[in-house]
All heavy atoms as atom14 arrays in JSON, in Angstrom:
{
  "sequence": "PSLTVRRVSGPLWEVAKAGGSTVEALMAANHLDTDCLEEERL",
  "atom14_mask": [
    [1, 1, 1, 1, 1, 1, 1, 0, 0, 0, 0, 0, 0, 0],
    [1, 1, 1, 1, 1, 1, 0, 0, 0, 0, 0, 0, 0, 0],
    [1, 1, 1, 1, 1, 1, 1, 1, 0, 0, 0, 0, 0, 0],
    [1, 1, 1, 1, 1, 1, 1, 0, 0, 0, 0, 0, 0, 0],
    [1, 1, 1, 1, 1, 1, 1, 0, 0, 0, 0, 0, 0, 0],
    [1, 1, 1, 1, 1, 1, 1, 1, 1, 1, 1, 0, 0, 0],
    [1, 1, 1, 1, 1, 1, 1, 1, 1, 1, 1, 0, 0, 0],
    [1, 1, 1, 1, 1, 1, 1, 0, 0, 0, 0, 0, 0, 0],
    [1, 1, 1, 1, 1, 1, 0, 0, 0, 0, 0, 0, 0, 0],
    [1, 1, 1, 1, 0, 0, 0, 0, 0, 0, 0, 0, 0, 0],
    [1, 1, 1, 1, 1, 1, 1, 0, 0, 0, 0, 0, 0, 0],
    [1, 1, 1, 1, 1, 1, 1, 1, 0, 0, 0, 0, 0, 0],
    [1, 1, 1, 1, 1, 1, 1, 1, 1, 1, 1, 1, 1, 1],
    [1, 1, 1, 1, 1, 1, 1, 1, 1, 0, 0, 0, 0, 0],
    [1, 1, 1, 1, 1, 1, 1, 0, 0, 0, 0, 0, 0, 0],
    [1, 1, 1, 1, 1, 0, 0, 0, 0, 0, 0, 0, 0, 0],
    [1, 1, 1, 1, 1, 1, 1, 1, 1, 0, 0, 0, 0, 0],
    [1, 1, 1, 1, 1, 0, 0, 0, 0, 0, 0, 0, 0, 0],
    [1, 1, 1, 1, 0, 0, 0, 0, 0, 0, 0, 0, 0, 0],
    [1, 1, 1, 1, 0, 0, 0, 0, 0, 0, 0, 0, 0, 0],
    [1, 1, 1, 1, 1, 1, 0, 0, 0, 0, 0, 0, 0, 0],
    [1, 1, 1, 1, 1, 1, 1, 0, 0, 0, 0, 0, 0, 0],
    [1, 1, 1, 1, 1, 1, 1, 0, 0, 0, 0, 0, 0, 0],
    [1, 1, 1, 1, 1, 1, 1, 1, 1, 0, 0, 0, 0, 0],
    [1, 1, 1, 1, 1, 0, 0, 0, 0, 0, 0, 0, 0, 0],
    [1, 1, 1, 1, 1, 1, 1, 1, 0, 0, 0, 0, 0, 0],
    [1, 1, 1, 1, 1, 1, 1, 1, 0, 0, 0, 0, 0, 0],
    [1, 1, 1, 1, 1, 0, 0, 0, 0, 0, 0, 0, 0, 0],
    [1, 1, 1, 1, 1, 0, 0, 0, 0, 0, 0, 0, 0, 0],
    [1, 1, 1, 1, 1, 1, 1, 1, 0, 0, 0, 0, 0, 0],
    [1, 1, 1, 1, 1, 1, 1, 1, 1, 1, 0, 0, 0, 0],
    [1, 1, 1, 1, 1, 1, 1, 1, 0, 0, 0, 0, 0, 0],
    [1, 1, 1, 1, 1, 1, 1, 1, 0, 0, 0, 0, 0, 0],
    [1, 1, 1, 1, 1, 1, 1, 0, 0, 0, 0, 0, 0, 0],
    [1, 1, 1, 1, 1, 1, 1, 1, 0, 0, 0, 0, 0, 0],
    [1, 1, 1, 1, 1, 1, 0, 0, 0, 0, 0, 0, 0, 0],
    [1, 1, 1, 1, 1, 1, 1, 1, 0, 0, 0, 0, 0, 0],
    [1, 1, 1, 1, 1, 1, 1, 1, 1, 0, 0, 0, 0, 0],
    [1, 1, 1, 1, 1, 1, 1, 1, 1, 0, 0, 0, 0, 0],
    [1, 1, 1, 1, 1, 1, 1, 1, 1, 0, 0, 0, 0, 0],
    [1, 1, 1, 1, 1, 1, 1, 1, 1, 1, 1, 0, 0, 0],
    [1, 1, 1, 1, 1, 1, 1, 1, 0, 0, 0, 0, 0, 0]
  ],
  "atom14_positions": [
    [[111.46, 52.23, 142.21], [111.28, 51.12, 141.27], [109.99, 51.3, 140.47], [108.99, 51.8, 140.99], [111.21, 49.9, 142.17], [111.8, 50.34, 143.47], [111.53, 51.79, 143.59], [0.0, 0.0, 0.0], [0.0, 0.0, 0.0], [0.0, 0.0, 0.0], [0.0, 0.0, 0.0], [0.0, 0.0, 0.0], [0.0, 0.0, 0.0], [0.0, 0.0, 0.0]],
    [[110.02, 50.9, 139.19], [108.82, 51.0, 138.36], [107.89, 49.82, 138.58], [106.74, 49.84, 138.15], [109.22, 51.06, 136.88], [109.94, 49.9, 136.52], [0.0, 0.0, 0.0], [0.0, 0.0, 0.0], [0.0, 0.0, 0.0], [0.0, 0.0, 0.0], [0.0, 0.0, 0.0], [0.0, 0.0, 0.0], [0.0, 0.0, 0.0], [0.0, 0.0, 0.0]],
    [[108.38, 48.77, 139.27], [107.55, 47.59, 139.49], [107.99, 46.92, 140.79], [109.19, 46.72, 141.01], [107.69, 46.61, 138.33], [106.72, 45.43, 138.27], [105.3, 45.92, 138.03], [107.15, 44.46, 137.18], [0.0, 0.0, 0.0], [0.0, 0.0, 0.0], [0.0, 0.0, 0.0], [0.0, 0.0, 0.0], [0.0, 0.0, 0.0], [0.0, 0.0, 0.0]],
    [[107.02, 46.62, 141.66], [107.34, 45.9, 142.89], [106.4, 44.69, 142.99], [105.39, 44.6, 142.29], [107.15, 46.79, 144.14], [105.79, 47.26, 144.16], [108.1, 47.97, 144.11], [0.0, 0.0, 0.0], [0.0, 0.0, 0.0], [0.0, 0.0, 0.0], [0.0, 0.0, 0.0], [0.0, 0.0, 0.0], [0.0, 0.0, 0.0], [0.0, 0.0, 0.0]],
    [[106.79, 43.76, 143.88], [106.0, 42.56, 144.09], [105.64, 42.49, 145.58], [106.54, 42.62, 146.44], [106.76, 41.29, 143.66], [105.91, 40.05, 143.94], [107.15, 41.36, 142.2], [0.0, 0.0, 0.0], [0.0, 0.0, 0.0], [0.0, 0.0, 0.0], [0.0, 0.0, 0.0], [0.0, 0.0, 0.0], [0.0, 0.0, 0.0], [0.0, 0.0, 0.0]],
    [[104.35, 42.31, 145.87], [103.92, 42.23, 147.27], [102.83, 41.17, 147.42], [102.07, 40.9, 146.48], [103.35, 43.57, 147.76], [104.38, 44.65, 147.93], [103.72, 45.89, 148.48], [104.62, 47.02, 148.48], [104.26, 48.26, 148.75], [103.0, 48.53, 149.05], [105.14, 49.24, 148.74], [0.0, 0.0, 0.0], [0.0, 0.0, 0.0], [0.0, 0.0, 0.0]],
    [[102.75, 40.61, 148.62], [101.65, 39.71, 148.96], [100.6, 40.55, 149.69], [100.86, 41.1, 150.76], [102.15, 38.57, 149.84], [101.1, 37.51, 150.13], [101.71, 36.35, 150.85], [102.65, 35.62, 150.03], [102.32, 34.7, 149.12], [101.05, 34.41, 148.92], [103.25, 34.09, 148.42], [0.0, 0.0, 0.0], [0.0, 0.0, 0.0], [0.0, 0.0, 0.0]],
    [[99.42, 40.67, 149.09], [98.41, 41.59, 149.6], [97.03, 40.94, 149.53], [96.83, 39.9, 148.9], [98.39, 42.91, 148.79], [99.69, 43.67, 148.96], [98.1, 42.62, 147.32], [0.0, 0.0, 0.0], [0.0, 0.0, 0.0], [0.0, 0.0, 0.0], [0.0, 0.0, 0.0], [0.0, 0.0, 0.0], [0.0, 0.0, 0.0], [0.0, 0.0, 0.0]],
    [[96.08, 41.6, 150.21], [94.67, 41.23, 150.12], [93.84, 42.46, 150.43], [94.36, 43.49, 150.87], [94.33, 40.1, 151.11], [94.52, 40.55, 152.45], [0.0, 0.0, 0.0], [0.0, 0.0, 0.0], [0.0, 0.0, 0.0], [0.0, 0.0, 0.0], [0.0, 0.0, 0.0], [0.0, 0.0, 0.0], [0.0, 0.0, 0.0], [0.0, 0.0, 0.0]],
    [[92.52, 42.35, 150.19], [91.63, 43.47, 150.49], [91.32, 44.32, 149.28], [91.61, 43.94, 148.13], [0.0, 0.0, 0.0], [0.0, 0.0, 0.0], [0.0, 0.0, 0.0], [0.0, 0.0, 0.0], [0.0, 0.0, 0.0], [0.0, 0.0, 0.0], [0.0, 0.0, 0.0], [0.0, 0.0, 0.0], [0.0, 0.0, 0.0], [0.0, 0.0, 0.0]],
    [[90.76, 45.5, 149.47], [90.4, 46.38, 148.35], [91.64, 46.82, 147.58], [92.65, 47.22, 148.17], [89.7, 47.56, 149.03], [89.29, 47.07, 150.37], [90.3, 46.05, 150.76], [0.0, 0.0, 0.0], [0.0, 0.0, 0.0], [0.0, 0.0, 0.0], [0.0, 0.0, 0.0], [0.0, 0.0, 0.0], [0.0, 0.0, 0.0], [0.0, 0.0, 0.0]],
    [[91.58, 46.77, 146.24], [92.7, 47.18, 145.42], [93.0, 48.67, 145.58], [94.12, 49.11, 145.34], [92.42, 46.85, 143.95], [92.44, 45.36, 143.57], [92.38, 45.22, 142.05], [93.66, 44.65, 144.12], [0.0, 0.0, 0.0], [0.0, 0.0, 0.0], [0.0, 0.0, 0.0], [0.0, 0.0, 0.0], [0.0, 0.0, 0.0], [0.0, 0.0, 0.0]],
    [[91.98, 49.45, 145.95], [92.22, 50.88, 146.15], [93.28, 51.09, 147.24], [94.21, 51.88, 147.08], [90.93, 51.6, 146.52], [91.17, 53.04, 146.92], [91.32, 53.52, 148.18], [91.34, 54.15, 146.04], [91.55, 54.87, 148.15], [91.58, 55.3, 146.85], [91.32, 54.3, 144.65], [91.77, 56.56, 146.32], [91.52, 55.56, 144.12], [91.75, 56.67, 144.94]],
    [[93.17, 50.37, 148.34], [94.13, 50.51, 149.43], [95.51, 50.02, 149.01], [96.53, 50.58, 149.39], [93.65, 49.76, 150.67], [92.31, 50.24, 151.22], [92.38, 51.69, 151.69], [93.5, 52.15, 152.04], [91.33, 52.36, 151.71], [0.0, 0.0, 0.0], [0.0, 0.0, 0.0], [0.0, 0.0, 0.0], [0.0, 0.0, 0.0], [0.0, 0.0, 0.0]],
    [[95.54, 48.92, 148.23], [96.82, 48.39, 147.75], [97.49, 49.39, 146.81], [98.69, 49.68, 146.91], [96.61, 47.05, 147.03], [97.92, 46.53, 146.44], [96.0, 46.03, 147.98], [0.0, 0.0, 0.0], [0.0, 0.0, 0.0], [0.0, 0.0, 0.0], [0.0, 0.0, 0.0], [0.0, 0.0, 0.0], [0.0, 0.0, 0.0], [0.0, 0.0, 0.0]],
    [[96.69, 49.98, 145.89], [97.24, 50.95, 144.94], [97.71, 52.21, 145.66], [98.76, 52.77, 145.34], [96.18, 51.3, 143.9], [0.0, 0.0, 0.0], [0.0, 0.0, 0.0], [0.0, 0.0, 0.0], [0.0, 0.0, 0.0], [0.0, 0.0, 0.0], [0.0, 0.0, 0.0], [0.0, 0.0, 0.0], [0.0, 0.0, 0.0], [0.0, 0.0, 0.0]],
    [[96.96, 52.65, 146.64], [97.32, 53.86, 147.38], [98.64, 53.65, 148.12], [99.51, 54.53, 148.13], [96.21, 54.23, 148.35], [96.44, 55.51, 149.13], [95.26, 55.81, 150.03], [95.48, 57.1, 150.81], [94.32, 57.4, 151.7], [0.0, 0.0, 0.0], [0.0, 0.0, 0.0], [0.0, 0.0, 0.0], [0.0, 0.0, 0.0], [0.0, 0.0, 0.0]],
    [[98.82, 52.48, 148.75], [100.05, 52.19, 149.49], [101.24, 52.05, 148.56], [102.38, 52.38, 148.92], [99.88, 50.94, 150.34], [0.0, 0.0, 0.0], [0.0, 0.0, 0.0], [0.0, 0.0, 0.0], [0.0, 0.0, 0.0], [0.0, 0.0, 0.0], [0.0, 0.0, 0.0], [0.0, 0.0, 0.0], [0.0, 0.0, 0.0], [0.0, 0.0, 0.0]],
    [[100.98, 51.57, 147.33], [102.09, 51.34, 146.41], [102.29, 52.44, 145.4], [103.14, 52.3, 144.5], [0.0, 0.0, 0.0], [0.0, 0.0, 0.0], [0.0, 0.0, 0.0], [0.0, 0.0, 0.0], [0.0, 0.0, 0.0], [0.0, 0.0, 0.0], [0.0, 0.0, 0.0], [0.0, 0.0, 0.0], [0.0, 0.0, 0.0], [0.0, 0.0, 0.0]],
    [[101.52, 53.52, 145.48], [101.67, 54.61, 144.53], [101.26, 54.22, 143.12], [101.83, 54.7, 142.14], [0.0, 0.0, 0.0], [0.0, 0.0, 0.0], [0.0, 0.0, 0.0], [0.0, 0.0, 0.0], [0.0, 0.0, 0.0], [0.0, 0.0, 0.0], [0.0, 0.0, 0.0], [0.0, 0.0, 0.0], [0.0, 0.0, 0.0], [0.0, 0.0, 0.0]],
    [[100.26, 53.35, 143.0], [99.8, 52.89, 141.69], [98.32, 53.26, 141.54], [97.8, 54.08, 142.29], [100.0, 51.38, 141.57], [99.67, 50.92, 140.28], [0.0, 0.0, 0.0], [0.0, 0.0, 0.0], [0.0, 0.0, 0.0], [0.0, 0.0, 0.0], [0.0, 0.0, 0.0], [0.0, 0.0, 0.0], [0.0, 0.0, 0.0], [0.0, 0.0, 0.0]],
    [[97.68, 52.65, 140.56], [96.25, 52.85, 140.36], [95.55, 51.5, 140.31], [96.18, 50.46, 140.02], [95.96, 53.61, 139.05], [96.35, 52.8, 137.94], [96.69, 54.95, 139.01], [0.0, 0.0, 0.0], [0.0, 0.0, 0.0], [0.0, 0.0, 0.0], [0.0, 0.0, 0.0], [0.0, 0.0, 0.0], [0.0, 0.0, 0.0], [0.0, 0.0, 0.0]],
    [[94.25, 51.52, 140.57], [93.48, 50.28, 140.51], [93.51, 49.7, 139.11], [93.68, 48.49, 138.91], [92.03, 50.53, 140.98], [91.17, 49.3, 140.75], [91.99, 50.94, 142.44], [0.0, 0.0, 0.0], [0.0, 0.0, 0.0], [0.0, 0.0, 0.0], [0.0, 0.0, 0.0], [0.0, 0.0, 0.0], [0.0, 0.0, 0.0], [0.0, 0.0, 0.0]],
    [[93.38, 50.57, 138.12], [93.37, 50.11, 136.72], [94.69, 49.44, 136.36], [94.72, 48.38, 135.69], [93.09, 51.27, 135.78], [91.7, 51.87, 135.91], [91.56, 52.79, 137.11], [92.59, 53.13, 137.74], [90.42, 53.17, 137.42], [0.0, 0.0, 0.0], [0.0, 0.0, 0.0], [0.0, 0.0, 0.0], [0.0, 0.0, 0.0], [0.0, 0.0, 0.0]],
    [[95.82, 50.04, 136.81], [97.12, 49.46, 136.51], [97.3, 48.11, 137.19], [97.85, 47.17, 136.61], [98.23, 50.42, 136.93], [0.0, 0.0, 0.0], [0.0, 0.0, 0.0], [0.0, 0.0, 0.0], [0.0, 0.0, 0.0], [0.0, 0.0, 0.0], [0.0, 0.0, 0.0], [0.0, 0.0, 0.0], [0.0, 0.0, 0.0], [0.0, 0.0, 0.0]],
    [[96.84, 47.99, 138.42], [96.93, 46.71, 139.14], [96.12, 45.62, 138.43], [96.59, 44.48, 138.28], [96.42, 46.87, 140.57], [97.36, 47.55, 141.58], [96.62, 47.77, 142.89], [98.61, 46.7, 141.81], [0.0, 0.0, 0.0], [0.0, 0.0, 0.0], [0.0, 0.0, 0.0], [0.0, 0.0, 0.0], [0.0, 0.0, 0.0], [0.0, 0.0, 0.0]],
    [[94.91, 45.95, 138.02], [94.06, 44.95, 137.39], [94.65, 44.52, 136.05], [94.6, 43.34, 135.69], [92.64, 45.5, 137.2], [91.93, 45.76, 138.52], [90.24, 46.38, 138.34], [89.41, 44.92, 137.72], [0.0, 0.0, 0.0], [0.0, 0.0, 0.0], [0.0, 0.0, 0.0], [0.0, 0.0, 0.0], [0.0, 0.0, 0.0], [0.0, 0.0, 0.0]],
    [[95.23, 45.48, 135.29], [95.8, 45.14, 133.99], [97.06, 44.3, 134.15], [97.27, 43.31, 133.43], [96.1, 46.42, 133.21], [0.0, 0.0, 0.0], [0.0, 0.0, 0.0], [0.0, 0.0, 0.0], [0.0, 0.0, 0.0], [0.0, 0.0, 0.0], [0.0, 0.0, 0.0], [0.0, 0.0, 0.0], [0.0, 0.0, 0.0], [0.0, 0.0, 0.0]],
    [[97.93, 44.67, 135.12], [99.2, 43.97, 135.28], [99.01, 42.56, 135.8], [99.84, 41.68, 135.54], [100.11, 44.76, 136.21], [0.0, 0.0, 0.0], [0.0, 0.0, 0.0], [0.0, 0.0, 0.0], [0.0, 0.0, 0.0], [0.0, 0.0, 0.0], [0.0, 0.0, 0.0], [0.0, 0.0, 0.0], [0.0, 0.0, 0.0], [0.0, 0.0, 0.0]],
    [[97.92, 42.32, 136.55], [97.73, 41.02, 137.18], [96.54, 40.25, 136.61], [96.16, 39.2, 137.14], [97.54, 41.19, 138.68], [98.78, 41.74, 139.36], [99.68, 41.01, 139.71], [98.81, 43.06, 139.54], [0.0, 0.0, 0.0], [0.0, 0.0, 0.0], [0.0, 0.0, 0.0], [0.0, 0.0, 0.0], [0.0, 0.0, 0.0], [0.0, 0.0, 0.0]],
    [[95.93, 40.79, 135.54], [94.81, 40.13, 134.86], [93.68, 39.81, 135.85], [93.18, 38.68, 135.93], [95.26, 38.84, 134.15], [96.4, 39.05, 133.21], [96.27, 39.73, 132.02], [97.7, 38.69, 133.3], [97.44, 39.77, 131.39], [98.34, 39.14, 132.15], [0.0, 0.0, 0.0], [0.0, 0.0, 0.0], [0.0, 0.0, 0.0], [0.0, 0.0, 0.0]],
    [[93.3, 40.83, 136.61], [92.25, 40.67, 137.62], [90.9, 41.11, 137.06], [90.83, 42.02, 136.22], [92.58, 41.49, 138.86], [93.88, 41.13, 139.6], [94.13, 42.12, 140.73], [93.81, 39.71, 140.13], [0.0, 0.0, 0.0], [0.0, 0.0, 0.0], [0.0, 0.0, 0.0], [0.0, 0.0, 0.0], [0.0, 0.0, 0.0], [0.0, 0.0, 0.0]],
    [[89.84, 40.49, 137.54], [88.49, 40.9, 137.15], [87.69, 41.37, 138.36], [86.46, 41.47, 138.31], [87.75, 39.76, 136.45], [87.67, 38.49, 137.31], [88.13, 38.55, 138.48], [87.14, 37.49, 136.83], [0.0, 0.0, 0.0], [0.0, 0.0, 0.0], [0.0, 0.0, 0.0], [0.0, 0.0, 0.0], [0.0, 0.0, 0.0], [0.0, 0.0, 0.0]],
    [[88.36, 41.66, 139.46], [87.71, 42.17, 140.66], [88.58, 43.24, 141.29], [89.81, 43.21, 141.14], [87.46, 41.03, 141.67], [86.87, 41.58, 142.84], [88.75, 40.34, 142.06], [0.0, 0.0, 0.0], [0.0, 0.0, 0.0], [0.0, 0.0, 0.0], [0.0, 0.0, 0.0], [0.0, 0.0, 0.0], [0.0, 0.0, 0.0], [0.0, 0.0, 0.0]],
    [[87.94, 44.19, 141.97], [88.7, 45.26, 142.62], [88.88, 45.01, 144.11], [89.23, 45.91, 144.87], [88.05, 46.62, 142.39], [86.64, 46.7, 142.95], [86.19, 45.69, 143.53], [86.0, 47.75, 142.81], [0.0, 0.0, 0.0], [0.0, 0.0, 0.0], [0.0, 0.0, 0.0], [0.0, 0.0, 0.0], [0.0, 0.0, 0.0], [0.0, 0.0, 0.0]],
    [[88.63, 43.76, 144.55], [88.82, 43.42, 145.96], [89.26, 41.96, 146.04], [88.61, 41.07, 145.48], [87.54, 43.64, 146.75], [87.72, 43.36, 148.53], [0.0, 0.0, 0.0], [0.0, 0.0, 0.0], [0.0, 0.0, 0.0], [0.0, 0.0, 0.0], [0.0, 0.0, 0.0], [0.0, 0.0, 0.0], [0.0, 0.0, 0.0], [0.0, 0.0, 0.0]],
    [[90.37, 41.72, 146.73], [90.9, 40.37, 146.9], [90.46, 39.82, 148.25], [90.83, 40.38, 149.3], [92.42, 40.38, 146.82], [93.04, 40.89, 145.5], [94.54, 40.91, 145.6], [92.59, 40.03, 144.33], [0.0, 0.0, 0.0], [0.0, 0.0, 0.0], [0.0, 0.0, 0.0], [0.0, 0.0, 0.0], [0.0, 0.0, 0.0], [0.0, 0.0, 0.0]],
    [[89.68, 38.76, 148.24], [89.22, 38.17, 149.49], [90.32, 37.39, 150.18], [90.35, 37.3, 151.41], [88.01, 37.27, 149.23], [86.78, 38.04, 148.75], [85.59, 37.14, 148.61], [85.71, 35.93, 148.91], [84.52, 37.64, 148.2], [0.0, 0.0, 0.0], [0.0, 0.0, 0.0], [0.0, 0.0, 0.0], [0.0, 0.0, 0.0], [0.0, 0.0, 0.0]],
    [[91.24, 36.81, 149.41], [92.34, 36.04, 149.99], [93.67, 36.68, 149.59], [93.79, 37.32, 148.54], [92.3, 34.59, 149.51], [91.03, 33.84, 149.94], [91.03, 32.41, 149.45], [91.98, 32.03, 148.73], [90.1, 31.67, 149.8], [0.0, 0.0, 0.0], [0.0, 0.0, 0.0], [0.0, 0.0, 0.0], [0.0, 0.0, 0.0], [0.0, 0.0, 0.0]],
    [[94.65, 36.51, 150.44], [95.97, 37.08, 150.17], [96.62, 36.39, 148.97], [96.56, 35.18, 148.83], [96.85, 36.92, 151.41], [98.14, 37.74, 151.35], [98.94, 37.62, 152.62], [99.59, 36.57, 152.81], [98.89, 38.57, 153.43], [0.0, 0.0, 0.0], [0.0, 0.0, 0.0], [0.0, 0.0, 0.0], [0.0, 0.0, 0.0], [0.0, 0.0, 0.0]],
    [[97.25, 37.21, 148.12], [97.95, 36.67, 146.96], [99.07, 37.6, 146.54], [99.12, 38.75, 146.95], [96.99, 36.41, 145.79], [96.28, 37.64, 145.28], [95.4, 37.32, 144.1], [96.17, 36.97, 142.93], [95.64, 36.7, 141.72], [94.32, 36.71, 141.58], [96.4, 36.41, 140.71], [0.0, 0.0, 0.0], [0.0, 0.0, 0.0], [0.0, 0.0, 0.0]],
    [[99.98, 37.1, 145.71], [101.15, 37.85, 145.25], [100.75, 38.68, 144.04], [100.21, 38.16, 143.06], [102.28, 36.88, 144.89], [103.7, 37.4, 144.96], [104.05, 37.83, 146.38], [104.67, 36.33, 144.46], [0.0, 0.0, 0.0], [0.0, 0.0, 0.0], [0.0, 0.0, 0.0], [0.0, 0.0, 0.0], [0.0, 0.0, 0.0], [0.0, 0.0, 0.0]]
  ]
}
């Protein structure tokens, strides 16, 4: 799939690595201004 949805938390690097994505792509797709999520979110 070109796009998946997950409930995650923690450093975006670990999230991107597990999902085969990049930190930059995650931040752009979800309009994030931090590279670490302190609380779990979709």
